[in-house]
C-alpha atoms as a PDB file:
ATOM      1  CA  MET A   1       3.606 -89.029  64.705  1.00  0.00           C
ATOM      2  CA  ILE A   2       2.614 -85.383  65.235  1.00  0.00           C
ATOM      3  CA  ILE A   3       5.398 -83.061  64.066  1.00  0.00           C
ATOM      4  CA  LEU A   4       5.482 -79.308  64.656  1.00  0.00           C
ATOM      5  CA  GLN A   5       7.877 -77.309  62.458  1.00  0.00           C
ATOM      6  CA  VAL A   6       8.549 -73.746  63.646  1.00  0.00           C
ATOM      7  CA  ILE A   7      10.482 -71.015  61.821  1.00  0.00           C
ATOM      8  CA  THR A   8      10.761 -67.263  62.355  1.00  0.00           C
ATOM      9  CA  LEU A   9       9.924 -65.886  58.893  1.00  0.00           C
ATOM     10  CA  CYS A  10       7.366 -67.003  56.304  1.00  0.00           C
ATOM     11  CA  SER A  11       9.211 -65.327  53.406  1.00  0.00           C
ATOM     12  CA  LEU A  12      11.089 -67.633  51.052  1.00  0.00           C
ATOM     13  CA  GLY A  13      14.711 -68.401  51.835  1.00  0.00           C
ATOM     14  CA  GLY A  14      17.004 -71.367  52.338  1.00  0.00           C
ATOM     15  CA  ALA A  15      15.693 -72.334  55.774  1.00  0.00           C
ATOM     16  CA  GLN A  16      12.103 -71.992  54.597  1.00  0.00           C
ATOM     17  CA  SER A  17      12.876 -74.257  51.634  1.00  0.00           C
ATOM     18  CA  VAL A  18      14.043 -76.937  54.065  1.00  0.00           C
ATOM     19  CA  VAL A  19      10.824 -76.576  56.070  1.00  0.00           C
ATOM     20  CA  ILE A  20       8.724 -76.805  52.902  1.00  0.00           C
ATOM     21  CA  ASN A  21      10.541 -79.810  51.448  1.00  0.00           C
ATOM     22  CA  LEU A  22      10.674 -81.675  54.744  1.00  0.00           C
ATOM     23  CA  SER A  23       7.049 -80.988  55.651  1.00  0.00           C
ATOM     24  CA  ASN A  24       5.647 -81.867  52.232  1.00  0.00           C
ATOM     25  CA  ILE A  25       7.220 -85.323  52.441  1.00  0.00           C
ATOM     26  CA  LEU A  26       6.489 -85.972  56.115  1.00  0.00           C
ATOM     27  CA  CYS A  27       2.813 -85.064  55.769  1.00  0.00           C
ATOM     28  CA  LYS A  28       2.243 -88.127  53.588  1.00  0.00           C
ATOM     29  CA  GLU A  29       2.582 -90.367  56.645  1.00  0.00           C
ATOM     30  CA  HIS A  30       2.414 -88.027  59.646  1.00  0.00           C
ATOM     31  CA  GLU A  31       0.423 -85.099  60.968  1.00  0.00           C
ATOM     32  CA  VAL A  32       2.466 -81.962  60.281  1.00  0.00           C
ATOM     33  CA  ILE A  33       1.941 -78.436  61.560  1.00  0.00           C
ATOM     34  CA  VAL A  34       4.035 -75.488  60.348  1.00  0.00           C
ATOM     35  CA  ALA A  35       4.178 -72.313  62.420  1.00  0.00           C
ATOM     36  CA  ALA A  36       5.884 -69.069  61.394  1.00  0.00           C
ATOM     37  CA  GLY A  37       5.875 -65.344  61.991  1.00  0.00           C
ATOM     38  CA  GLU A  38       6.364 -62.276  59.850  1.00  0.00           C
ATOM     39  CA  GLY A  39       7.123 -62.139  56.116  1.00  0.00           C
ATOM     40  CA  ASP A  40       5.499 -61.955  52.710  1.00  0.00           C
ATOM     41  CA  GLY A  41       3.731 -65.298  53.197  1.00  0.00           C
ATOM     42  CA  LYS A  42       5.099 -67.014  50.100  1.00  0.00           C
ATOM     43  CA  MET A  43       6.163 -70.025  52.160  1.00  0.00           C
ATOM     44  CA  TRP A  44       2.540 -70.822  52.986  1.00  0.00           C
ATOM     45  CA  ASP A  45       1.619 -71.136  49.308  1.00  0.00           C
ATOM     46  CA  LEU A  46       4.135 -73.956  48.786  1.00  0.00           C
ATOM     47  CA  LEU A  47       2.985 -76.201  51.625  1.00  0.00           C
ATOM     48  CA  ALA A  48       0.814 -79.247  50.904  1.00  0.00           C
ATOM     49  CA  SER A  49      -2.880 -78.749  51.620  1.00  0.00           C
ATOM     50  CA  SER A  50      -2.889 -81.365  54.391  1.00  0.00           C
ATOM     51  CA  ILE A  51      -0.379 -79.379  56.458  1.00  0.00           C
ATOM     52  CA  LYS A  52      -1.884 -77.235  59.203  1.00  0.00           C
ATOM     53  CA  GLN A  53      -0.653 -73.645  59.099  1.00  0.00           C
ATOM     54  CA  GLU A  54      -0.233 -71.528  62.226  1.00  0.00           C
ATOM     55  CA  LYS A  55       0.611 -67.849  61.791  1.00  0.00           C
ATOM     56  CA  ILE A  56       2.206 -66.225  64.840  1.00  0.00           C
ATOM     57  CA  ALA A  57       1.520 -62.505  64.491  1.00  0.00           C
ATOM     58  CA  PHE A  58       3.990 -61.377  67.149  1.00  0.00           C
ATOM     59  CA  LEU A  59       6.965 -63.434  65.926  1.00  0.00           C
ATOM     60  CA  HIS A  60       9.423 -61.031  64.291  1.00  0.00           C
ATOM     61  CA  ARG A  61      13.131 -61.215  63.540  1.00  0.00           C
ATOM     62  CA  ALA A  62      13.775 -57.902  65.320  1.00  0.00           C
ATOM     63  CA  LEU A  63      14.032 -57.992  69.096  1.00  0.00           C
ATOM     64  CA  SER A  64      11.068 -56.675  71.057  1.00  0.00           C
ATOM     65  CA  PRO A  65      10.458 -57.680  74.696  1.00  0.00           C
ATOM     66  CA  ILE A  66       6.703 -57.275  74.341  1.00  0.00           C
ATOM     67  CA  ASN A  67       6.556 -59.370  71.162  1.00  0.00           C
ATOM     68  CA  GLU A  68       8.811 -62.050  72.676  1.00  0.00           C
ATOM     69  CA  ILE A  69       6.445 -62.413  75.631  1.00  0.00           C
ATOM     70  CA  LYS A  70       3.434 -62.628  73.316  1.00  0.00           C
ATOM     71  CA  THR A  71       5.240 -65.162  71.123  1.00  0.00           C
ATOM     72  CA  PHE A  72       6.135 -67.190  74.221  1.00  0.00           C
ATOM     73  CA  PHE A  73       2.452 -67.598  75.055  1.00  0.00           C
ATOM     74  CA  ALA A  74       1.521 -68.226  71.407  1.00  0.00           C
ATOM     75  CA  LEU A  75       4.041 -71.076  71.222  1.00  0.00           C
ATOM     76  CA  ARG A  76       2.810 -72.445  74.531  1.00  0.00           C
ATOM     77  CA  SER A  77      -0.741 -72.385  73.186  1.00  0.00           C
ATOM     78  CA  LEU A  78       0.368 -74.280  70.059  1.00  0.00           C
ATOM     79  CA  TYR A  79       1.931 -76.974  72.195  1.00  0.00           C
ATOM     80  CA  LEU A  80      -1.218 -77.438  74.251  1.00  0.00           C
ATOM     81  CA  LYS A  81      -3.383 -77.425  71.111  1.00  0.00           C
ATOM     82  CA  TYR A  82      -1.521 -80.101  69.136  1.00  0.00           C
ATOM     83  CA  LYS A  83       0.548 -81.970  71.757  1.00  0.00           C
ATOM     84  CA  PRO A  84       3.260 -82.759  69.174  1.00  0.00           C
ATOM     85  CA  ASP A  85       5.605 -85.717  69.489  1.00  0.00           C
ATOM     86  CA  ILE A  86       8.421 -83.820  67.750  1.00  0.00           C
ATOM     87  CA  ILE A  87       9.090 -80.072  67.718  1.00  0.00           C
ATOM     88  CA  HIS A  88      11.562 -79.020  65.026  1.00  0.00           C
ATOM     89  CA  LEU A  89      12.918 -75.485  65.413  1.00  0.00           C
ATOM     90  CA  HIS A  90      14.527 -73.604  62.516  1.00  0.00           C
ATOM     91  CA  SER A  91      16.505 -70.316  62.759  1.00  0.00           C
ATOM     92  CA  SER A  92      18.181 -68.744  65.778  1.00  0.00           C
ATOM     93  CA  LYS A  93      15.265 -66.600  67.011  1.00  0.00           C
ATOM     94  CA  VAL A  94      12.822 -69.496  67.179  1.00  0.00           C
ATOM     95  CA  GLY A  95      15.663 -71.705  68.358  1.00  0.00           C
ATOM     96  CA  ILE A  96      15.985 -69.543  71.460  1.00  0.00           C
ATOM     97  CA  LEU A  97      12.296 -69.007  72.209  1.00  0.00           C
ATOM     98  CA  GLY A  98      11.308 -72.580  71.397  1.00  0.00           C
ATOM     99  CA  ARG A  99      13.916 -74.124  73.658  1.00  0.00           C
ATOM    100  CA  ILE A 100      12.607 -72.003  76.528  1.00  0.00           C
ATOM    101  CA  VAL A 101       8.937 -72.814  75.890  1.00  0.00           C
ATOM    102  CA  PHE A 102       8.839 -76.454  74.798  1.00  0.00           C
ATOM    103  CA  PRO A 103       9.871 -79.664  76.614  1.00  0.00           C
ATOM    104  CA  LYS A 104      13.508 -80.357  75.761  1.00  0.00           C
ATOM    105  CA  SER A 105      12.870 -84.070  75.201  1.00  0.00           C
ATOM    106  CA  LYS A 106      10.860 -83.267  72.062  1.00  0.00           C
ATOM    107  CA  ILE A 107      13.058 -80.632  70.411  1.00  0.00           C
ATOM    108  CA  VAL A 108      15.273 -80.800  67.319  1.00  0.00           C
ATOM    109  CA  TYR A 109      16.997 -77.510  66.493  1.00  0.00           C
ATOM    110  CA  THR A 110      18.485 -76.949  63.020  1.00  0.00           C
ATOM    111  CA  VAL A 111      21.069 -74.179  62.722  1.00  0.00           C
ATOM    112  CA  HIS A 112      20.783 -72.913  59.136  1.00  0.00           C
ATOM    113  CA  GLY A 113      24.250 -71.433  58.774  1.00  0.00           C
ATOM    114  CA  PHE A 114      26.023 -71.030  62.106  1.00  0.00           C
ATOM    115  CA  ASP A 115      28.148 -68.152  60.784  1.00  0.00           C
ATOM    116  CA  SER A 116      25.036 -65.970  60.889  1.00  0.00           C
ATOM    117  CA  ILE A 117      25.408 -66.242  64.680  1.00  0.00           C
ATOM    118  CA  ARG A 118      29.151 -66.876  65.046  1.00  0.00           C
ATOM    119  CA  VAL A 119      30.176 -63.993  62.765  1.00  0.00           C
ATOM    120  CA  ALA A 120      27.253 -61.601  62.425  1.00  0.00           C
ATOM    121  CA  TYR A 121      25.559 -61.903  65.845  1.00  0.00           C
ATOM    122  CA  ARG A 122      28.177 -63.083  68.322  1.00  0.00           C
ATOM    123  CA  ARG A 123      26.276 -61.504  71.200  1.00  0.00           C
ATOM    124  CA  TYR A 124      23.844 -64.438  70.973  1.00  0.00           C
ATOM    125  CA  LEU A 125      26.556 -67.072  71.434  1.00  0.00           C
ATOM    126  CA  PRO A 126      26.328 -67.161  75.248  1.00  0.00           C
ATOM    127  CA  VAL A 127      22.588 -67.821  74.919  1.00  0.00           C
ATOM    128  CA  GLU A 128      23.250 -70.659  72.467  1.00  0.00           C
ATOM    129  CA  ARG A 129      25.749 -72.208  74.874  1.00  0.00           C
ATOM    130  CA  VAL A 130      23.314 -72.057  77.785  1.00  0.00           C
ATOM    131  CA  LEU A 131      20.396 -73.463  75.774  1.00  0.00           C
ATOM    132  CA  GLN A 132      22.312 -76.300  74.101  1.00  0.00           C
ATOM    133  CA  THR A 133      21.047 -78.757  76.718  1.00  0.00           C
ATOM    134  CA  ARG A 134      17.445 -77.629  76.169  1.00  0.00           C
ATOM    135  CA  CYS A 135      16.950 -79.943  73.193  1.00  0.00           C
ATOM    136  CA  LYS A 136      17.649 -83.532  72.167  1.00  0.00           C
ATOM    137  CA  SER A 137      19.502 -82.736  68.946  1.00  0.00           C
ATOM    138  CA  ILE A 138      21.234 -79.769  67.336  1.00  0.00           C
ATOM    139  CA  VAL A 139      21.674 -80.124  63.571  1.00  0.00           C
ATOM    140  CA  GLY A 140      24.207 -78.274  61.453  1.00  0.00           C
ATOM    141  CA  VAL A 141      23.599 -78.209  57.705  1.00  0.00           C
ATOM    142  CA  SER A 142      27.284 -78.676  56.872  1.00  0.00           C
ATOM    143  CA  LYS A 143      30.399 -80.200  58.417  1.00  0.00           C
ATOM    144  CA  TYR A 144      31.726 -76.660  58.611  1.00  0.00           C
ATOM    145  CA  ASP A 145      28.814 -75.679  60.851  1.00  0.00           C
ATOM    146  CA  GLY A 146      29.149 -78.821  62.943  1.00  0.00           C
ATOM    147  CA  GLU A 147      32.838 -78.161  63.577  1.00  0.00           C
ATOM    148  CA  ASN A 148      32.302 -74.494  64.431  1.00  0.00           C
ATOM    149  CA  LEU A 149      29.450 -75.273  66.806  1.00  0.00           C
ATOM    150  CA  GLN A 150      31.827 -77.472  68.756  1.00  0.00           C
ATOM    151  CA  LYS A 151      34.656 -74.916  68.605  1.00  0.00           C
ATOM    152  CA  GLU A 152      32.297 -72.395  70.211  1.00  0.00           C
ATOM    153  CA  GLY A 153      31.503 -74.785  73.063  1.00  0.00           C
ATOM    154  CA  ILE A 154      28.192 -76.074  71.712  1.00  0.00           C
ATOM    155  CA  ILE A 155      28.781 -79.821  71.933  1.00  0.00           C
ATOM    156  CA  ASN A 156      25.461 -81.309  73.015  1.00  0.00           C
ATOM    157  CA  ASN A 157      24.191 -83.969  70.567  1.00  0.00           C
ATOM    158  CA  ILE A 158      25.501 -82.325  67.392  1.00  0.00           C
ATOM    159  CA  SER A 159      24.563 -83.911  64.052  1.00  0.00           C
ATOM    160  CA  VAL A 160      25.192 -82.866  60.460  1.00  0.00           C
ATOM    161  CA  ILE A 161      22.461 -83.266  57.854  1.00  0.00           C
ATOM    162  CA  TYR A 162      22.941 -81.820  54.391  1.00  0.00           C
ATOM    163  CA  ASN A 163      20.014 -79.911  52.940  1.00  0.00           C
ATOM    164  CA  GLY A 164      18.197 -81.755  50.193  1.00  0.00           C
ATOM    165  CA  LEU A 165      15.525 -81.041  47.630  1.00  0.00           C
ATOM    166  CA  SER A 166      13.630 -82.511  44.738  1.00  0.00           C
ATOM    167  CA  THR A 167      14.405 -81.449  41.176  1.00  0.00           C
ATOM    168  CA  PRO A 168      12.851 -78.002  40.603  1.00  0.00           C
ATOM    169  CA  TYR A 169       9.606 -77.514  38.721  1.00  0.00           C
ATOM    170  CA  LYS A 170      10.123 -77.179  34.964  1.00  0.00           C
ATOM    171  CA  LEU A 171       9.207 -73.883  33.366  1.00  0.00           C
ATOM    172  CA  LYS A 172       6.940 -73.971  30.329  1.00  0.00           C
ATOM    173  CA  ARG A 173       9.100 -71.613  28.300  1.00  0.00           C
ATOM    174  CA  ASN A 174      12.578 -70.129  28.229  1.00  0.00           C
ATOM    175  CA  PRO A 175      12.452 -66.976  30.384  1.00  0.00           C
ATOM    176  CA  PHE A 176      15.777 -65.769  28.998  1.00  0.00           C
ATOM    177  CA  GLU A 177      14.959 -65.767  25.270  1.00  0.00           C
ATOM    178  CA  HIS A 178      15.385 -61.997  25.189  1.00  0.00           C
ATOM    179  CA  LEU A 179      19.003 -62.497  26.298  1.00  0.00           C
ATOM    180  CA  ASN A 180      20.101 -64.694  23.413  1.00  0.00           C
ATOM    181  CA  GLY A 181      22.369 -61.923  22.151  1.00  0.00           C
ATOM    182  CA  TYR A 182      24.765 -62.721  24.988  1.00  0.00           C
ATOM    183  CA  THR A 183      27.182 -65.631  24.640  1.00  0.00           C
ATOM    184  CA  HIS A 184      26.363 -67.090  28.071  1.00  0.00           C
ATOM    185  CA  LYS A 185      23.989 -66.552  30.980  1.00  0.00           C
ATOM    186  CA  VAL A 186      25.186 -66.377  34.592  1.00  0.00           C
ATOM    187  CA  LEU A 187      22.463 -66.769  37.224  1.00  0.00           C
ATOM    188  CA  CYS A 188      22.380 -65.765  40.885  1.00  0.00           C
ATOM    189  CA  VAL A 189      19.384 -66.507  43.114  1.00  0.00           C
ATOM    190  CA  ALA A 190      19.658 -64.560  46.367  1.00  0.00           C
ATOM    191  CA  ARG A 191      18.051 -61.757  48.313  1.00  0.00           C
ATOM    192  CA  LEU A 192      19.494 -58.276  47.974  1.00  0.00           C
ATOM    193  CA  SER A 193      21.414 -57.848  51.202  1.00  0.00           C
ATOM    194  CA  PRO A 194      24.943 -56.952  52.293  1.00  0.00           C
ATOM    195  CA  GLN A 195      25.541 -60.652  53.007  1.00  0.00           C
ATOM    196  CA  LYS A 196      25.059 -61.558  49.336  1.00  0.00           C
ATOM    197  CA  LYS A 197      27.519 -58.968  47.984  1.00  0.00           C
ATOM    198  CA  VAL A 198      25.543 -57.580  45.063  1.00  0.00           C
ATOM    199  CA  ASP A 199      28.352 -55.036  44.623  1.00  0.00           C
ATOM    200  CA  LEU A 200      30.746 -57.872  43.779  1.00  0.00           C
ATOM    201  CA  PHE A 201      28.185 -59.380  41.391  1.00  0.00           C
ATOM    202  CA  LEU A 202      27.949 -56.060  39.537  1.00  0.00           C
ATOM    203  CA  ASP A 203      31.728 -55.652  39.432  1.00  0.00           C
ATOM    204  CA  VAL A 204      32.153 -59.101  37.884  1.00  0.00           C
ATOM    205  CA  ALA A 205      29.408 -58.374  35.351  1.00  0.00           C
ATOM    206  CA  SER A 206      31.070 -55.128  34.296  1.00  0.00           C
ATOM    207  CA  ARG A 207      34.244 -57.071  33.434  1.00  0.00           C
ATOM    208  CA  LEU A 208      32.399 -59.665  31.344  1.00  0.00           C
ATOM    209  CA  PRO A 209      30.050 -57.622  29.127  1.00  0.00           C
ATOM    210  CA  GLN A 210      29.628 -60.523  26.683  1.00  0.00           C
ATOM    211  CA  TYR A 211      27.723 -62.515  29.339  1.00  0.00           C
ATOM    212  CA  ALA A 212      24.251 -61.816  30.704  1.00  0.00           C
ATOM    213  CA  PHE A 213      24.157 -61.656  34.512  1.00  0.00           C
ATOM    214  CA  ILE A 214      20.735 -62.407  35.990  1.00  0.00           C
ATOM    215  CA  TRP A 215      19.721 -61.833  39.615  1.00  0.00           C
ATOM    216  CA  ILE A 216      16.523 -63.394  40.972  1.00  0.00           C
ATOM    217  CA  GLY A 217      15.293 -62.978  44.516  1.00  0.00           C
ATOM    218  CA  ASN A 218      15.367 -59.326  45.444  1.00  0.00           C
ATOM    219  CA  GLN A 219      12.619 -58.459  47.900  1.00  0.00           C
ATOM    220  CA  TYR A 220      12.895 -54.831  46.847  1.00  0.00           C
ATOM    221  CA  GLU A 221      13.940 -53.020  43.697  1.00  0.00           C
ATOM    222  CA  TYR A 222      17.659 -52.465  43.228  1.00  0.00           C
ATOM    223  CA  ILE A 223      18.396 -48.751  43.387  1.00  0.00           C
ATOM    224  CA  GLY A 224      21.585 -47.563  41.786  1.00  0.00           C
ATOM    225  CA  GLU A 225      23.536 -47.767  38.576  1.00  0.00           C
ATOM    226  CA  TYR A 226      24.486 -51.130  37.138  1.00  0.00           C
ATOM    227  CA  PRO A 227      25.910 -52.493  33.853  1.00  0.00           C
ATOM    228  CA  SER A 228      23.590 -52.994  30.886  1.00  0.00           C
ATOM    229  CA  ASN A 229      24.290 -56.754  30.900  1.00  0.00           C
ATOM    230  CA  VAL A 230      22.759 -57.143  34.388  1.00  0.00           C
ATOM    231  CA  PHE A 231      19.085 -58.061  34.733  1.00  0.00           C
ATOM    232  CA  PHE A 232      17.228 -57.881  38.046  1.00  0.00           C
ATOM    233  CA  MET A 233      14.104 -60.036  37.745  1.00  0.00           C
ATOM    234  CA  GLY A 234      12.637 -59.571  41.205  1.00  0.00           C
ATOM    235  CA  SER A 235      11.321 -62.245  43.529  1.00  0.00           C
ATOM    236  CA  LEU A 236       9.920 -65.119  41.470  1.00  0.00           C
ATOM    237  CA  PRO A 237       8.193 -68.397  42.394  1.00  0.00           C
ATOM    238  CA  ASP A 238      10.159 -71.548  41.550  1.00  0.00           C
ATOM    239  CA  ALA A 239      13.325 -69.456  41.179  1.00  0.00           C
ATOM    240  CA  GLY A 240      15.496 -72.573  41.099  1.00  0.00           C
ATOM    241  CA  ALA A 241      13.794 -73.703  37.907  1.00  0.00           C
ATOM    242  CA  TYR A 242      15.419 -70.821  36.040  1.00  0.00           C
ATOM    243  CA  ASN A 243      18.749 -72.654  36.278  1.00  0.00           C
ATOM    244  CA  GLU A 244      17.610 -74.868  33.406  1.00  0.00           C
ATOM    245  CA  TYR A 245      18.041 -71.942  31.019  1.00  0.00           C
ATOM    246  CA  ALA A 246      21.234 -70.523  32.557  1.00  0.00           C
ATOM    247  CA  ASP A 247      24.755 -71.761  31.852  1.00  0.00           C
ATOM    248  CA  VAL A 248      26.391 -71.386  35.248  1.00  0.00           C
ATOM    249  CA  PHE A 249      25.336 -70.494  38.784  1.00  0.00           C
ATOM    250  CA  MET A 250      27.205 -67.792  40.702  1.00  0.00           C
ATOM    251  CA  LEU A 251      26.863 -67.008  44.406  1.00  0.00           C
ATOM    252  CA  PRO A 252      28.915 -64.244  46.038  1.00  0.00           C
ATOM    253  CA  SER A 253      28.437 -64.160  49.809  1.00  0.00           C
ATOM    254  CA  ASN A 254      30.028 -63.208  53.113  1.00  0.00           C
ATOM    255  CA  TYR A 255      28.741 -66.263  54.983  1.00  0.00           C
ATOM    256  CA  GLU A 256      26.549 -69.302  54.330  1.00  0.00           C
ATOM    257  CA  GLY A 257      25.462 -72.624  55.762  1.00  0.00           C
ATOM    258  CA  LEU A 258      24.735 -74.958  52.858  1.00  0.00           C
ATOM    259  CA  PRO A 259      22.880 -72.856  50.257  1.00  0.00           C
ATOM    260  CA  MET A 260      19.722 -74.398  48.827  1.00  0.00           C
ATOM    261  CA  THR A 261      20.198 -72.245  45.732  1.00  0.00           C
ATOM    262  CA  ILE A 262      23.453 -74.029  44.897  1.00  0.00           C
ATOM    263  CA  ILE A 263      21.810 -77.419  45.413  1.00  0.00           C
ATOM    264  CA  GLU A 264      18.990 -76.379  43.064  1.00  0.00           C
ATOM    265  CA  ALA A 265      21.528 -75.471  40.387  1.00  0.00           C
ATOM    266  CA  MET A 266      23.377 -78.767  40.863  1.00  0.00           C
ATOM    267  CA  SER A 267      20.122 -80.720  40.549  1.00  0.00           C
ATOM    268  CA  LEU A 268      19.842 -79.304  37.035  1.00  0.00           C
ATOM    269  CA  GLY A 269      23.461 -80.060  36.187  1.00  0.00           C
ATOM    270  CA  LYS A 270      24.962 -76.578  36.384  1.00  0.00           C
ATOM    271  CA  PRO A 271      28.595 -75.717  37.181  1.00  0.00           C
ATOM    272  CA  ILE A 272      29.035 -73.493  40.239  1.00  0.00           C
ATOM    273  CA  VAL A 273      31.284 -70.530  41.015  1.00  0.00           C
ATOM    274  CA  ALA A 274      30.740 -69.342  44.582  1.00  0.00           C
ATOM    275  CA  SER A 275      32.428 -67.649  47.498  1.00  0.00           C
ATOM    276  CA  ASP A 276      34.524 -69.975  49.628  1.00  0.00           C
ATOM    277  CA  VAL A 277      32.445 -69.577  52.783  1.00  0.00           C
ATOM    278  CA  GLY A 278      30.527 -71.897  55.089  1.00  0.00           C
ATOM    279  CA  GLY A 279      29.908 -75.391  53.807  1.00  0.00           C
ATOM    280  CA  ILE A 280      29.983 -74.522  50.111  1.00  0.00           C
ATOM    281  CA  SER A 281      33.333 -76.236  49.507  1.00  0.00           C
ATOM    282  CA  GLU A 282      31.798 -79.491  50.779  1.00  0.00           C
ATOM    283  CA  ILE A 283      29.533 -79.683  47.729  1.00  0.00           C
ATOM    284  CA  VAL A 284      31.485 -77.606  45.193  1.00  0.00           C
ATOM    285  CA  ALA A 285      34.797 -79.345  44.534  1.00  0.00           C
ATOM    286  CA  ASN A 286      37.414 -77.211  42.810  1.00  0.00           C
ATOM    287  CA  GLY A 287      38.147 -78.517  39.339  1.00  0.00           C
ATOM    288  CA  GLU A 288      35.287 -81.039  39.449  1.00  0.00           C
ATOM    289  CA  ASN A 289      31.895 -79.311  39.424  1.00  0.00           C
ATOM    290  CA  GLY A 290      32.978 -75.706  39.824  1.00  0.00           C
ATOM    291  CA  TYR A 291      35.080 -73.481  42.040  1.00  0.00           C
ATOM    292  CA  THR A 292      34.952 -71.809  45.420  1.00  0.00           C
ATOM    293  CA  VAL A 293      36.855 -68.533  45.338  1.00  0.00           C
ATOM    294  CA  GLY A 294      37.791 -65.517  47.408  1.00  0.00           C
ATOM    295  CA  ASN A 295      35.502 -62.513  47.323  1.00  0.00           C
ATOM    296  CA  THR A 296      37.404 -60.662  44.606  1.00  0.00           C
ATOM    297  CA  PRO A 297      36.148 -59.854  41.104  1.00  0.00           C
ATOM    298  CA  GLU A 298      39.361 -61.183  39.570  1.00  0.00           C
ATOM    299  CA  GLU A 299      38.838 -64.688  40.956  1.00  0.00           C
ATOM    300  CA  PHE A 300      35.186 -64.861  39.916  1.00  0.00           C
ATOM    301  CA  VAL A 301      35.972 -63.576  36.428  1.00  0.00           C
ATOM    302  CA  GLU A 302      38.818 -66.047  35.924  1.00  0.00           C
ATOM    303  CA  LYS A 303      36.774 -69.108  36.925  1.00  0.00           C
ATOM    304  CA  LEU A 304      33.614 -68.085  35.076  1.00  0.00           C
ATOM    305  CA  GLN A 305      35.565 -67.562  31.874  1.00  0.00           C
ATOM    306  CA  TYR A 306      37.486 -70.811  32.273  1.00  0.00           C
ATOM    307  CA  ILE A 307      34.295 -72.847  32.646  1.00  0.00           C
ATOM    308  CA  LEU A 308      32.247 -71.083  29.993  1.00  0.00           C
ATOM    309  CA  GLU A 309      34.948 -70.832  27.328  1.00  0.00           C
ATOM    310  CA  ASN A 310      36.049 -74.489  27.529  1.00  0.00           C
ATOM    311  CA  PRO A 311      33.233 -76.792  26.340  1.00  0.00           C
ATOM    312  CA  ASP A 312      34.867 -80.012  27.574  1.00  0.00           C
ATOM    313  CA  VAL A 313      35.404 -78.534  31.029  1.00  0.00           C
ATOM    314  CA  TYR A 314      31.845 -77.246  31.073  1.00  0.00           C
ATOM    315  CA  ARG A 315      30.378 -80.647  30.195  1.00  0.00           C
ATOM    316  CA  MET A 316      32.460 -82.418  32.843  1.00  0.00           C
ATOM    317  CA  PHE A 317      31.516 -79.917  35.559  1.00  0.00           C
ATOM    318  CA  ALA A 318      27.841 -80.114  34.610  1.00  0.00           C
ATOM    319  CA  ARG A 319      27.884 -83.911  34.799  1.00  0.00           C
ATOM    320  CA  LYS A 320      29.678 -83.909  38.155  1.00  0.00           C
ATOM    321  CA  SER A 321      27.202 -81.427  39.648  1.00  0.00           C
ATOM    322  CA  LEU A 322      24.281 -83.663  38.768  1.00  0.00           C
ATOM    323  CA  GLU A 323      26.059 -86.796  39.985  1.00  0.00           C
ATOM    324  CA  TYR A 324      26.874 -85.263  43.349  1.00  0.00           C
ATOM    325  CA  TYR A 325      23.339 -83.986  43.784  1.00  0.00           C
ATOM    326  CA  LYS A 326      21.943 -87.466  43.157  1.00  0.00           C
ATOM    327  CA  SER A 327      24.393 -89.095  45.551  1.00  0.00           C
ATOM    328  CA  ALA A 328      24.167 -86.743  48.540  1.00  0.00           C
ATOM    329  CA  LEU A 329      21.678 -83.888  48.214  1.00  0.00           C
ATOM    330  CA  THR A 330      18.282 -85.361  47.376  1.00  0.00           C
ATOM    331  CA  ILE A 331      15.199 -84.700  49.443  1.00  0.00           C
ATOM    332  CA  ASP A 332      14.901 -88.403  50.298  1.00  0.00           C
ATOM    333  CA  ARG A 333      18.341 -88.449  51.926  1.00  0.00           C
ATOM    334  CA  MET A 334      17.507 -85.378  53.990  1.00  0.00           C
ATOM    335  CA  VAL A 335      14.118 -86.687  55.115  1.00  0.00           C
ATOM    336  CA  ASP A 336      15.545 -90.107  56.013  1.00  0.00           C
ATOM    337  CA  SER A 337      18.241 -88.451  58.135  1.00  0.00           C
ATOM    338  CA  TYR A 338      15.749 -86.326  60.053  1.00  0.00           C
ATOM    339  CA  MET A 339      13.379 -89.265  60.496  1.00  0.00           C
ATOM    340  CA  HIS A 340      16.244 -91.231  62.035  1.00  0.00           C
ATOM    341  CA  ILE A 341      16.654 -88.469  64.640  1.00  0.00           C
ATOM    342  CA  TYR A 342      12.903 -88.189  65.243  1.00  0.00           C
ATOM    343  CA  SER A 343      12.512 -91.949  65.681  1.00  0.00           C
ATOM    344  CA  SER A 344      15.483 -92.225  68.023  1.00  0.00           C
ATOM    345  CA  MET A 345      13.947 -89.530  70.237  1.00  0.00           C
ATOM    346  CA  LEU A 346      10.645 -91.385  70.496  1.00  0.00           C
ATOM    347  CA  SER A 347      12.309 -94.702  71.292  1.00  0.00           C
ATOM    348  CA  ILE A 348      14.082 -93.353  74.377  1.00  0.00           C
END
């Protein structure tokens, strides 16, 4: 089977992690090509050597009629070059262009967090409705996304496949040794953007000065004042591996699909405190492996303290996180689910 994976950006993020994990498994038995546009290129470094890489210079997140036309022809050229059996589109920009360019009988389109369209970019919804028949399968990464796709009139062959990953790479040393003066370490892995509510993160940290609050994933340096117990570590490879040396994972956000960063933390047995948005509540069960809360500092502070100051609660939540990861969020489960869709398309 020849499988073409296409995504808009080559910078690391949740959708790119899915492409990497999926491609690195599929390439063991199939020919896999990954195509992507702008970004810092860190995604390319994490792909297996047998995967063919296609960089599309004109593919940008921002709208540009000239670039869209050039990307149209670049995608068309890729199709003629490889003649793929399956074309898997990731992200809304590529989801639109790809469904125009490629034969619909070969297309799977994964929506990595439908709220990014439904809430933040509603002007694209009419396009999504029109193009829903231009593919064989539309995949939501959470039940929440699947339900909202249908509520918005996108009902053509909707499936739900949870993101999955392998246990993160183990670091050779504790990167937080210099923070041992704090009673606990709270980790957030996210890009610095309005969506991720760094202001809320800083507010929570200011109310819990006995804890170290660590932020990994900023693509640019944070500019502004922040509490002395907050540590911005920049964009790091294998960021999920840092969960091993943290006590709890925190994710404030305005909207999400099914965050890979939370799954990474769960794979290392960490309790979660996160905003109650998107599909997060499907994998973070209140009172079992963490809490989903409103976007207020009071709620985050209360739940973080409750987990970290009660050892029995902490141990139970940690165990439940790992158990749920193993039962529903492994890379094998994700790959098997996508292979079922791929195979069903070829058998028609």
